Amino acid sequence: MITGCLQQKNGFYYAVLYLKVDGKRKCKWVPTKLPVDGTSNRKAQKAFDEIRLQYERDEEERVKREAEQLELTKNTHPDALLQFTDYIEKWLGAARTSLATTTYQSYSNMIEARIVPYFKPLSLQVREVTPQHIEDFYQSILDDNCTTNTVIHYHAIIRKALQTAVKKDIILKNPADKVERPKKNVFHGNFYSEEEMLTLFDAVSGDPLELCVKIAAYYGLRRSEVLGLKWDAIDFEKKTISISHKVIEAEVDGKFIPVGEDVLKTKSSFRTLPLIPAVEKLLLEEKEKQEMFRRLFKKSYCRDYLDYICVDQCGKLLRPNYVTEHFAWLIEKYGLKKIRFHDLRHTCASLLLSSGISMKQIQIWLGHSTFATTADIYAHLDFTAQEESAHAMSGMFSREPKEVQPA
């Protein structure tokens, strides 16, 4: 416990504290900034108590840090002396089998893109990383005009990697736990009106992306879900379409290739929906085209993806990046309002809302895990609900006019 007293000097109150520095007792004068004249003794004493308490807390924290540092120097774990960048790359390699292909690819890209370039010049061992280092890293991301959502993604990977270090006794505590996670910024995707969608449909007619665009628009599917559709997911007798597979782009031997997975974003992403007649017609036409191309190209036709729906004329699976890039090219070529391929999903939701479809039904149609997810993204578009609220409120807070009795 730090001792001391309240003293007056040059017309002001000072907190005089007796501190131990290197085993010796030293006197420290800390100004309260309170003048002797006009300040009550009680107020001055309160200021002294606050200053003394703060110094006690700082001293406790210093002793705690020294103890932790001493414990770290005793750490004999072989990874304790690794550079942070080497550690996080090693961690990702070990975690690869437990991560989905898309998650692993995303983590790998993030480490290469920002984590290594930022932390490598600092030459920090994994045990030397502090909350301040992590905060400064996050600020560098924001300084590059990235959103807080980008910081949140980096926070997730750094915290997860360091949490593994805690579990393996490489470090005592996770410094990322002391860094405040930024608030997620609200993103509202662009969407087309019904008329704009008809114009887009005309633009993609006969294009290699026609089927992808129209299925994504009708069902609000994610890019990976559209490309993951297989012929056995279509039941032409029962008139249903099942979403249970996806295609993503992964790096294999230094090359990015499309890879199929039976792992969707959430459990709710697995869904069976009615087969829309317009989509059924498109699929039957596509089936005939693919059979014609197989006869036409014979041995040159790729037979590795016969069970997939979205393939090119040679039978090769469409690459996710090609879909994104070619869609952007189409939008620019025809001078259409700029949207992303994923905004077809937002368009589907907005058109369903404007048609009076409930938010709950839209949740199921899009395959969102919770109603809250759907509401958070699309509630601002639900003007029908706002009109109902306005109608309900219009009858409130009003009194019936009193009858005037005849004199």
Protein backbone atom coordinates (compact mmCIF):
# COMPACT_ATOMS: atom_id res chain seq x y z
CA MET A 1 0.00 0.00 0.00
CA ILE A 2 1.25 3.46 -0.92
CA THR A 3 1.28 6.00 1.89
CA GLY A 4 1.38 9.79 1.73
CA CYS A 5 -0.24 13.02 2.78
CA LEU A 6 -1.80 16.22 1.49
CA GLN A 7 0.50 19.28 1.35
CA GLN A 8 0.29 22.91 0.28
CA LYS A 9 2.80 24.51 -2.08
CA ASN A 10 2.74 27.78 -4.04
CA GLY A 11 -0.97 28.22 -3.32
CA PHE A 12 -2.01 24.75 -4.54
CA TYR A 13 -2.67 21.37 -2.96
CA TYR A 14 -0.26 18.52 -3.71
CA ALA A 15 -0.51 14.79 -3.05
CA VAL A 16 2.81 13.72 -1.53
CA LEU A 17 3.36 9.98 -2.05
CA TYR A 18 6.07 7.79 -0.57
CA LEU A 19 7.14 5.29 -3.21
CA LYS A 20 9.69 2.48 -3.25
CA VAL A 21 12.05 2.70 -6.23
CA ASP A 22 14.82 0.10 -6.50
CA GLY A 23 14.36 -0.72 -2.81
CA LYS A 24 14.70 2.90 -1.71
CA ARG A 25 11.96 5.15 -0.38
CA LYS A 26 11.37 8.23 -2.51
CA CYS A 27 9.00 11.15 -2.14
CA LYS A 28 6.86 12.18 -5.14
CA TRP A 29 4.85 15.39 -5.32
CA VAL A 30 1.77 15.12 -7.57
CA PRO A 31 -0.24 18.31 -8.25
CA THR A 32 -4.00 18.18 -7.63
CA LYS A 33 -4.43 21.47 -9.57
CA LEU A 34 -6.72 22.64 -6.78
CA PRO A 35 -6.01 26.12 -5.32
CA VAL A 36 -5.75 26.41 -1.54
CA ASP A 37 -8.14 29.36 -1.52
CA GLY A 38 -11.63 28.37 -2.53
CA THR A 39 -11.14 24.60 -2.21
CA SER A 40 -12.61 22.76 0.76
CA ASN A 41 -10.45 20.34 2.74
CA ARG A 42 -12.88 17.55 1.92
CA LYS A 43 -12.53 18.13 -1.83
CA ALA A 44 -8.75 18.30 -1.59
CA GLN A 45 -8.67 15.07 0.46
CA LYS A 46 -10.84 13.34 -2.13
CA ALA A 47 -8.41 14.39 -4.89
CA PHE A 48 -5.50 13.03 -2.81
CA ASP A 49 -7.27 9.69 -2.29
CA GLU A 50 -7.96 9.34 -6.02
CA ILE A 51 -4.33 10.08 -6.93
CA ARG A 52 -3.00 7.62 -4.34
CA LEU A 53 -5.45 4.92 -5.50
CA GLN A 54 -4.41 5.39 -9.13
CA TYR A 55 -0.72 5.05 -8.22
CA GLU A 56 -1.52 1.87 -6.27
CA ARG A 57 -3.29 0.41 -9.31
CA ASP A 58 -0.38 1.36 -11.58
CA GLU A 59 2.06 -0.25 -9.15
CA GLU A 60 -0.01 -3.45 -8.99
CA GLU A 61 -0.11 -3.57 -12.79
CA ARG A 62 3.67 -3.04 -13.00
CA VAL A 63 4.36 -5.84 -10.52
CA LYS A 64 1.95 -8.09 -12.42
CA ARG A 65 3.67 -7.37 -15.75
CA GLU A 66 7.08 -8.08 -14.26
CA ALA A 67 5.81 -11.39 -12.88
CA GLU A 68 4.37 -12.34 -16.26
CA GLN A 69 7.57 -11.35 -18.01
CA LEU A 70 9.58 -13.45 -15.56
CA GLU A 71 7.25 -16.38 -16.23
CA LEU A 72 7.72 -15.91 -19.96
CA THR A 73 11.49 -16.09 -19.66
CA LYS A 74 11.07 -19.47 -17.99
CA ASN A 75 8.90 -20.72 -20.87
CA THR A 76 10.68 -23.60 -22.55
CA HIS A 77 8.06 -24.27 -25.24
CA PRO A 78 9.90 -24.47 -28.59
CA ASP A 79 7.39 -22.09 -30.23
CA ALA A 80 7.79 -19.40 -27.55
CA LEU A 81 10.75 -17.86 -29.39
CA LEU A 82 9.13 -18.02 -32.84
CA GLN A 83 8.54 -14.79 -34.72
CA PHE A 84 4.83 -13.96 -34.65
CA THR A 85 4.61 -14.21 -38.45
CA ASP A 86 6.28 -17.64 -38.44
CA TYR A 87 4.00 -18.77 -35.65
CA ILE A 88 0.74 -17.74 -37.37
CA GLU A 89 1.80 -19.46 -40.61
CA LYS A 90 2.66 -22.60 -38.66
CA TRP A 91 -0.67 -22.39 -36.83
CA LEU A 92 -2.59 -22.15 -40.11
CA GLY A 93 -0.78 -25.18 -41.50
CA ALA A 94 -1.69 -27.22 -38.44
CA ALA A 95 -5.32 -26.02 -38.51
CA ARG A 96 -5.83 -26.74 -42.20
CA THR A 97 -7.52 -30.12 -41.72
CA SER A 98 -10.11 -28.63 -39.33
CA LEU A 99 -10.99 -25.66 -41.57
CA ALA A 100 -13.30 -25.56 -44.57
CA THR A 101 -11.45 -25.00 -47.84
CA THR A 102 -12.90 -21.50 -48.24
CA THR A 103 -12.00 -20.57 -44.66
CA TYR A 104 -8.45 -21.84 -45.04
CA GLN A 105 -8.03 -19.99 -48.34
CA SER A 106 -9.39 -16.80 -46.79
CA TYR A 107 -7.05 -17.05 -43.77
CA SER A 108 -4.08 -17.76 -46.02
CA ASN A 109 -4.84 -14.72 -48.18
CA MET A 110 -5.25 -12.49 -45.13
CA ILE A 111 -1.95 -13.60 -43.62
CA GLU A 112 -0.09 -12.99 -46.88
CA ALA A 113 -1.86 -9.73 -47.70
CA ARG A 114 -1.52 -7.83 -44.41
CA ILE A 115 -0.39 -9.75 -41.33
CA VAL A 116 3.05 -10.77 -42.61
CA PRO A 117 3.85 -7.43 -44.34
CA TYR A 118 2.91 -5.51 -41.17
CA PHE A 119 4.40 -7.67 -38.39
CA LYS A 120 7.52 -9.07 -40.08
CA PRO A 121 9.46 -5.75 -39.97
CA LEU A 122 8.64 -5.49 -36.23
CA SER A 123 10.53 -8.78 -35.56
CA LEU A 124 8.23 -9.64 -32.66
CA GLN A 125 8.32 -13.03 -31.01
CA VAL A 126 4.85 -14.44 -30.48
CA ARG A 127 5.21 -13.88 -26.72
CA GLU A 128 6.12 -10.22 -27.27
CA VAL A 129 2.91 -9.25 -29.09
CA THR A 130 0.91 -6.77 -26.98
CA PRO A 131 -2.63 -5.39 -27.28
CA GLN A 132 -1.10 -2.12 -28.48
CA HIS A 133 0.65 -3.89 -31.38
CA ILE A 134 -2.66 -5.41 -32.42
CA GLU A 135 -4.53 -2.11 -32.07
CA ASP A 136 -1.93 -0.35 -34.21
CA PHE A 137 -2.30 -3.08 -36.84
CA TYR A 138 -6.08 -2.60 -36.93
CA GLN A 139 -5.63 1.14 -37.27
CA SER A 140 -3.32 0.60 -40.27
CA ILE A 141 -6.15 -1.33 -41.95
CA LEU A 142 -8.62 1.49 -41.30
CA ASP A 143 -6.07 4.02 -42.55
CA ASP A 144 -6.16 2.18 -45.90
CA ASN A 145 -9.87 3.11 -46.15
CA CYS A 146 -11.04 -0.42 -45.30
CA THR A 147 -14.25 -0.90 -43.35
CA THR A 148 -14.52 -2.12 -39.76
CA ASN A 149 -15.82 -5.41 -41.19
CA THR A 150 -12.34 -6.03 -42.62
CA VAL A 151 -10.81 -5.38 -39.18
CA ILE A 152 -13.31 -7.83 -37.65
CA HIS A 153 -12.12 -10.56 -40.03
CA TYR A 154 -8.49 -9.94 -39.06
CA HIS A 155 -9.41 -9.82 -35.38
CA ALA A 156 -11.01 -13.26 -35.72
CA ILE A 157 -7.93 -14.91 -37.22
CA ILE A 158 -5.39 -13.25 -34.89
CA ARG A 159 -7.43 -14.02 -31.78
CA LYS A 160 -7.96 -17.64 -32.86
CA ALA A 161 -4.26 -18.15 -33.58
CA LEU A 162 -3.19 -16.63 -30.25
CA GLN A 163 -5.84 -18.57 -28.35
CA THR A 164 -4.19 -21.76 -29.60
CA ALA A 165 -0.88 -20.39 -28.27
CA VAL A 166 -2.51 -19.97 -24.84
CA LYS A 167 -3.86 -23.53 -24.88
CA LYS A 168 -0.39 -24.86 -25.73
CA ASP A 169 1.25 -22.78 -22.95
CA ILE A 170 3.24 -20.78 -25.49
CA ILE A 171 1.90 -17.55 -23.98
CA LEU A 172 0.11 -16.88 -20.68
CA LYS A 173 -2.72 -14.69 -21.94
CA ASN A 174 -4.24 -13.77 -25.26
CA PRO A 175 -3.40 -10.10 -25.98
CA ALA A 176 -6.22 -9.96 -28.56
CA ASP A 177 -8.73 -10.39 -25.73
CA LYS A 178 -7.76 -6.94 -24.45
CA VAL A 179 -8.38 -5.31 -27.83
CA GLU A 180 -11.89 -4.03 -28.38
CA ARG A 181 -13.53 -5.60 -31.41
CA PRO A 182 -14.85 -2.82 -33.65
CA LYS A 183 -18.55 -2.55 -34.35
CA LYS A 184 -19.72 -4.10 -37.58
CA ASN A 185 -20.63 -1.53 -40.19
CA VAL A 186 -24.06 -1.93 -41.73
CA PHE A 187 -23.91 -2.82 -45.42
CA HIS A 188 -26.92 -2.48 -47.70
CA GLY A 189 -26.39 -4.18 -51.03
CA ASN A 190 -27.61 -2.70 -54.30
CA PHE A 191 -30.58 -4.25 -56.03
CA TYR A 192 -32.53 -4.00 -59.26
CA SER A 193 -36.17 -3.21 -59.80
CA GLU A 194 -38.32 -5.66 -61.75
CA GLU A 195 -37.89 -3.57 -64.90
CA GLU A 196 -34.11 -3.45 -64.46
CA MET A 197 -34.04 -7.24 -64.03
CA LEU A 198 -35.91 -7.71 -67.31
CA THR A 199 -33.32 -5.51 -69.02
CA LEU A 200 -30.53 -7.60 -67.45
CA PHE A 201 -32.23 -10.82 -68.63
CA ASP A 202 -32.27 -9.45 -72.17
CA ALA A 203 -28.57 -8.53 -71.88
CA VAL A 204 -27.47 -12.02 -70.75
CA SER A 205 -29.62 -13.88 -73.27
CA GLY A 206 -27.34 -16.31 -75.12
CA ASP A 207 -24.37 -15.45 -72.87
CA PRO A 208 -22.42 -18.24 -71.09
CA LEU A 209 -23.62 -16.69 -67.81
CA GLU A 210 -27.32 -16.63 -68.70
CA LEU A 211 -28.29 -19.69 -66.67
CA CYS A 212 -26.23 -18.62 -63.62
CA VAL A 213 -27.70 -15.12 -63.59
CA LYS A 214 -31.31 -16.22 -63.95
CA ILE A 215 -31.13 -18.99 -61.33
CA ALA A 216 -29.40 -16.61 -58.89
CA ALA A 217 -32.10 -14.02 -59.48
CA TYR A 218 -35.06 -16.40 -59.13
CA TYR A 219 -33.79 -18.19 -56.03
CA GLY A 220 -31.45 -15.64 -54.44
CA LEU A 221 -28.64 -18.20 -54.43
CA ARG A 222 -25.08 -17.39 -53.47
CA ARG A 223 -22.50 -17.65 -56.26
CA SER A 224 -21.07 -20.87 -54.78
CA GLU A 225 -24.57 -22.40 -54.52
CA VAL A 226 -25.43 -21.63 -58.17
CA LEU A 227 -22.20 -23.18 -59.43
CA GLY A 228 -22.67 -26.14 -57.09
CA LEU A 229 -26.00 -27.19 -58.58
CA LYS A 230 -25.97 -30.73 -59.96
CA TRP A 231 -28.48 -32.47 -62.20
CA ASP A 232 -29.46 -34.86 -59.41
CA ALA A 233 -30.53 -31.82 -57.36
CA ILE A 234 -33.35 -31.25 -59.87
CA ASP A 235 -36.41 -33.44 -59.53
CA PHE A 236 -38.40 -32.83 -62.71
CA GLU A 237 -41.19 -35.17 -61.55
CA LYS A 238 -41.73 -33.68 -58.10
CA LYS A 239 -40.84 -30.20 -59.40
CA THR A 240 -38.21 -29.41 -56.77
CA ILE A 241 -34.67 -28.02 -56.68
CA SER A 242 -32.30 -28.86 -53.80
CA ILE A 243 -29.37 -26.74 -52.66
CA SER A 244 -26.86 -29.06 -50.99
CA HIS A 245 -23.52 -28.52 -52.72
CA LYS A 246 -21.24 -25.61 -53.54
CA VAL A 247 -18.30 -24.78 -55.78
CA ILE A 248 -15.53 -22.49 -54.57
CA GLU A 249 -12.17 -21.44 -55.96
CA ALA A 250 -9.14 -22.85 -54.17
CA GLU A 251 -5.40 -22.73 -54.74
CA VAL A 252 -4.00 -26.13 -55.66
CA ASP A 253 -0.31 -26.43 -56.59
CA GLY A 254 -0.13 -22.68 -57.18
CA LYS A 255 -3.17 -22.61 -59.48
CA PHE A 256 -6.70 -21.47 -58.67
CA ILE A 257 -9.23 -24.10 -59.70
CA PRO A 258 -12.95 -24.69 -58.96
CA VAL A 259 -13.51 -27.21 -56.17
CA GLY A 260 -16.82 -28.80 -55.17
CA GLU A 261 -17.81 -29.27 -51.52
CA ASP A 262 -20.82 -30.70 -49.68
CA VAL A 263 -20.35 -28.01 -47.02
CA LEU A 264 -22.59 -24.94 -47.17
CA LYS A 265 -22.42 -21.74 -45.14
CA THR A 266 -24.92 -22.86 -42.47
CA LYS A 267 -27.27 -25.81 -41.82
CA SER A 268 -30.16 -23.66 -43.05
CA SER A 269 -28.38 -23.26 -46.39
CA PHE A 270 -29.37 -26.85 -47.16
CA ARG A 271 -32.87 -26.44 -48.53
CA THR A 272 -35.32 -27.85 -51.08
CA LEU A 273 -37.48 -25.37 -52.96
CA PRO A 274 -40.23 -25.60 -55.59
CA LEU A 275 -38.99 -25.70 -59.18
CA ILE A 276 -40.12 -22.46 -60.83
CA PRO A 277 -41.56 -23.17 -64.33
CA ALA A 278 -39.32 -20.53 -65.97
CA VAL A 279 -36.25 -22.14 -64.40
CA GLU A 280 -37.42 -25.63 -65.35
CA LYS A 281 -37.65 -24.49 -68.99
CA LEU A 282 -34.11 -23.06 -68.80
CA LEU A 283 -32.75 -26.28 -67.30
CA LEU A 284 -34.36 -28.51 -69.92
CA GLU A 285 -32.89 -26.30 -72.65
CA GLU A 286 -29.46 -26.47 -70.94
CA LYS A 287 -29.70 -30.25 -70.78
CA GLU A 288 -30.28 -30.41 -74.53
CA LYS A 289 -27.37 -28.01 -75.19
CA GLN A 290 -24.93 -30.07 -73.14
CA GLU A 291 -25.97 -33.27 -74.91
CA MET A 292 -25.45 -31.52 -78.25
CA PHE A 293 -21.99 -30.24 -77.23
CA ARG A 294 -20.97 -33.73 -76.07
CA ARG A 295 -21.89 -35.15 -79.49
CA LEU A 296 -20.23 -32.23 -81.27
CA PHE A 297 -16.90 -32.17 -79.39
CA LYS A 298 -16.74 -35.94 -78.79
CA LYS A 299 -13.41 -36.80 -77.11
CA SER A 300 -12.52 -33.12 -76.70
CA TYR A 301 -15.47 -32.64 -74.36
CA CYS A 302 -14.48 -32.63 -70.66
CA ARG A 303 -16.27 -35.46 -68.86
CA ASP A 304 -15.09 -34.66 -65.34
CA TYR A 305 -18.14 -32.51 -64.57
CA LEU A 306 -21.02 -34.31 -66.27
CA ASP A 307 -23.08 -34.14 -63.08
CA TYR A 308 -22.83 -30.32 -62.84
CA ILE A 309 -25.30 -27.90 -64.43
CA CYS A 310 -23.18 -24.74 -64.81
CA VAL A 311 -20.44 -25.74 -67.27
CA ASP A 312 -19.06 -24.12 -70.40
CA GLN A 313 -19.42 -25.43 -73.95
CA CYS A 314 -16.42 -27.73 -73.45
CA GLY A 315 -17.93 -29.23 -70.30
CA LYS A 316 -15.56 -27.50 -67.88
CA LEU A 317 -16.89 -26.18 -64.58
CA LEU A 318 -17.31 -22.41 -64.50
CA ARG A 319 -14.76 -20.71 -62.21
CA PRO A 320 -16.27 -18.53 -59.45
CA ASN A 321 -13.89 -15.68 -60.28
CA TYR A 322 -14.90 -15.88 -63.94
CA VAL A 323 -18.54 -15.47 -62.94
CA THR A 324 -17.74 -12.35 -60.91
CA GLU A 325 -15.50 -10.79 -63.56
CA HIS A 326 -17.70 -11.65 -66.56
CA PHE A 327 -20.83 -10.37 -64.80
CA ALA A 328 -19.10 -7.03 -64.12
CA TRP A 329 -18.07 -6.93 -67.79
CA LEU A 330 -21.66 -7.50 -68.92
CA ILE A 331 -22.96 -4.71 -66.67
CA GLU A 332 -20.43 -2.28 -68.11
CA LYS A 333 -20.92 -3.42 -71.70
CA TYR A 334 -24.67 -2.76 -71.65
CA GLY A 335 -24.47 0.36 -69.49
CA LEU A 336 -26.58 -1.10 -66.71
CA LYS A 337 -26.68 0.12 -63.13
CA LYS A 338 -23.61 -1.23 -61.37
CA ILE A 339 -24.30 -4.18 -59.09
CA ARG A 340 -22.31 -7.24 -58.04
CA PHE A 341 -23.31 -10.82 -58.85
CA HIS A 342 -24.14 -11.27 -55.15
CA ASP A 343 -26.57 -8.35 -55.42
CA LEU A 344 -28.86 -10.65 -57.42
CA ARG A 345 -29.50 -12.27 -54.03
CA HIS A 346 -30.45 -8.87 -52.57
CA THR A 347 -32.63 -8.19 -55.62
CA CYS A 348 -34.48 -11.46 -55.10
CA ALA A 349 -35.20 -10.53 -51.47
CA SER A 350 -36.29 -6.97 -52.27
CA LEU A 351 -38.67 -8.11 -55.02
CA LEU A 352 -40.19 -10.75 -52.74
CA LEU A 353 -40.69 -8.11 -50.03
CA SER A 354 -42.35 -5.70 -52.46
CA SER A 355 -44.70 -8.55 -53.48
CA GLY A 356 -45.87 -8.93 -49.89
CA ILE A 357 -43.91 -12.08 -49.02
CA SER A 358 -43.21 -12.26 -45.28
CA MET A 359 -39.72 -11.90 -43.85
CA LYS A 360 -39.95 -15.43 -42.40
CA GLN A 361 -40.65 -16.94 -45.83
CA ILE A 362 -37.77 -14.98 -47.32
CA GLN A 363 -35.48 -16.32 -44.57
CA ILE A 364 -36.32 -19.89 -45.62
CA TRP A 365 -36.06 -19.08 -49.35
CA LEU A 366 -32.59 -17.54 -48.97
CA GLY A 367 -31.37 -20.15 -46.48
CA HIS A 368 -30.48 -17.73 -43.67
CA SER A 369 -29.67 -19.39 -40.35
CA THR A 370 -31.88 -17.05 -38.30
CA PHE A 371 -34.78 -14.66 -38.80
CA ALA A 372 -32.60 -11.92 -37.26
CA THR A 373 -30.09 -12.26 -40.12
CA THR A 374 -32.80 -11.66 -42.71
CA ALA A 375 -34.34 -8.82 -40.73
CA ASP A 376 -30.99 -7.09 -40.16
CA ILE A 377 -30.25 -7.07 -43.89
CA TYR A 378 -33.67 -6.37 -45.38
CA ALA A 379 -35.89 -4.71 -42.75
CA HIS A 380 -35.16 -1.27 -44.21
CA LEU A 381 -36.73 -2.42 -47.50
CA ASP A 382 -39.96 -3.68 -45.91
CA PHE A 383 -42.08 -0.62 -46.71
CA THR A 384 -45.30 -2.63 -46.42
CA ALA A 385 -44.56 -3.21 -42.73
CA GLN A 386 -43.88 0.52 -42.30
CA GLU A 387 -47.24 1.33 -43.90
CA GLU A 388 -48.98 -1.08 -41.52
CA SER A 389 -47.23 0.59 -38.58
CA ALA A 390 -48.24 4.02 -39.86
CA HIS A 391 -51.84 2.86 -40.25
CA ALA A 392 -51.87 1.50 -36.70
CA MET A 393 -50.39 4.69 -35.25
CA SER A 394 -52.76 6.95 -37.15
CA GLY A 395 -55.65 5.84 -34.96
CA MET A 396 -53.80 6.45 -31.71
CA PHE A 397 -53.61 9.55 -29.52
CA SER A 398 -56.86 11.00 -30.83
CA ARG A 399 -60.15 11.70 -29.08
CA GLU A 400 -63.60 11.49 -30.51
CA PRO A 401 -65.12 14.98 -30.75
CA LYS A 402 -67.56 15.63 -27.90
CA GLU A 403 -71.19 16.12 -28.81
CA VAL A 404 -72.35 19.62 -28.20
CA GLN A 405 -75.61 19.59 -26.28
CA PRO A 406 -78.24 21.99 -27.62
CA ALA A 407 -78.81 24.97 -25.37
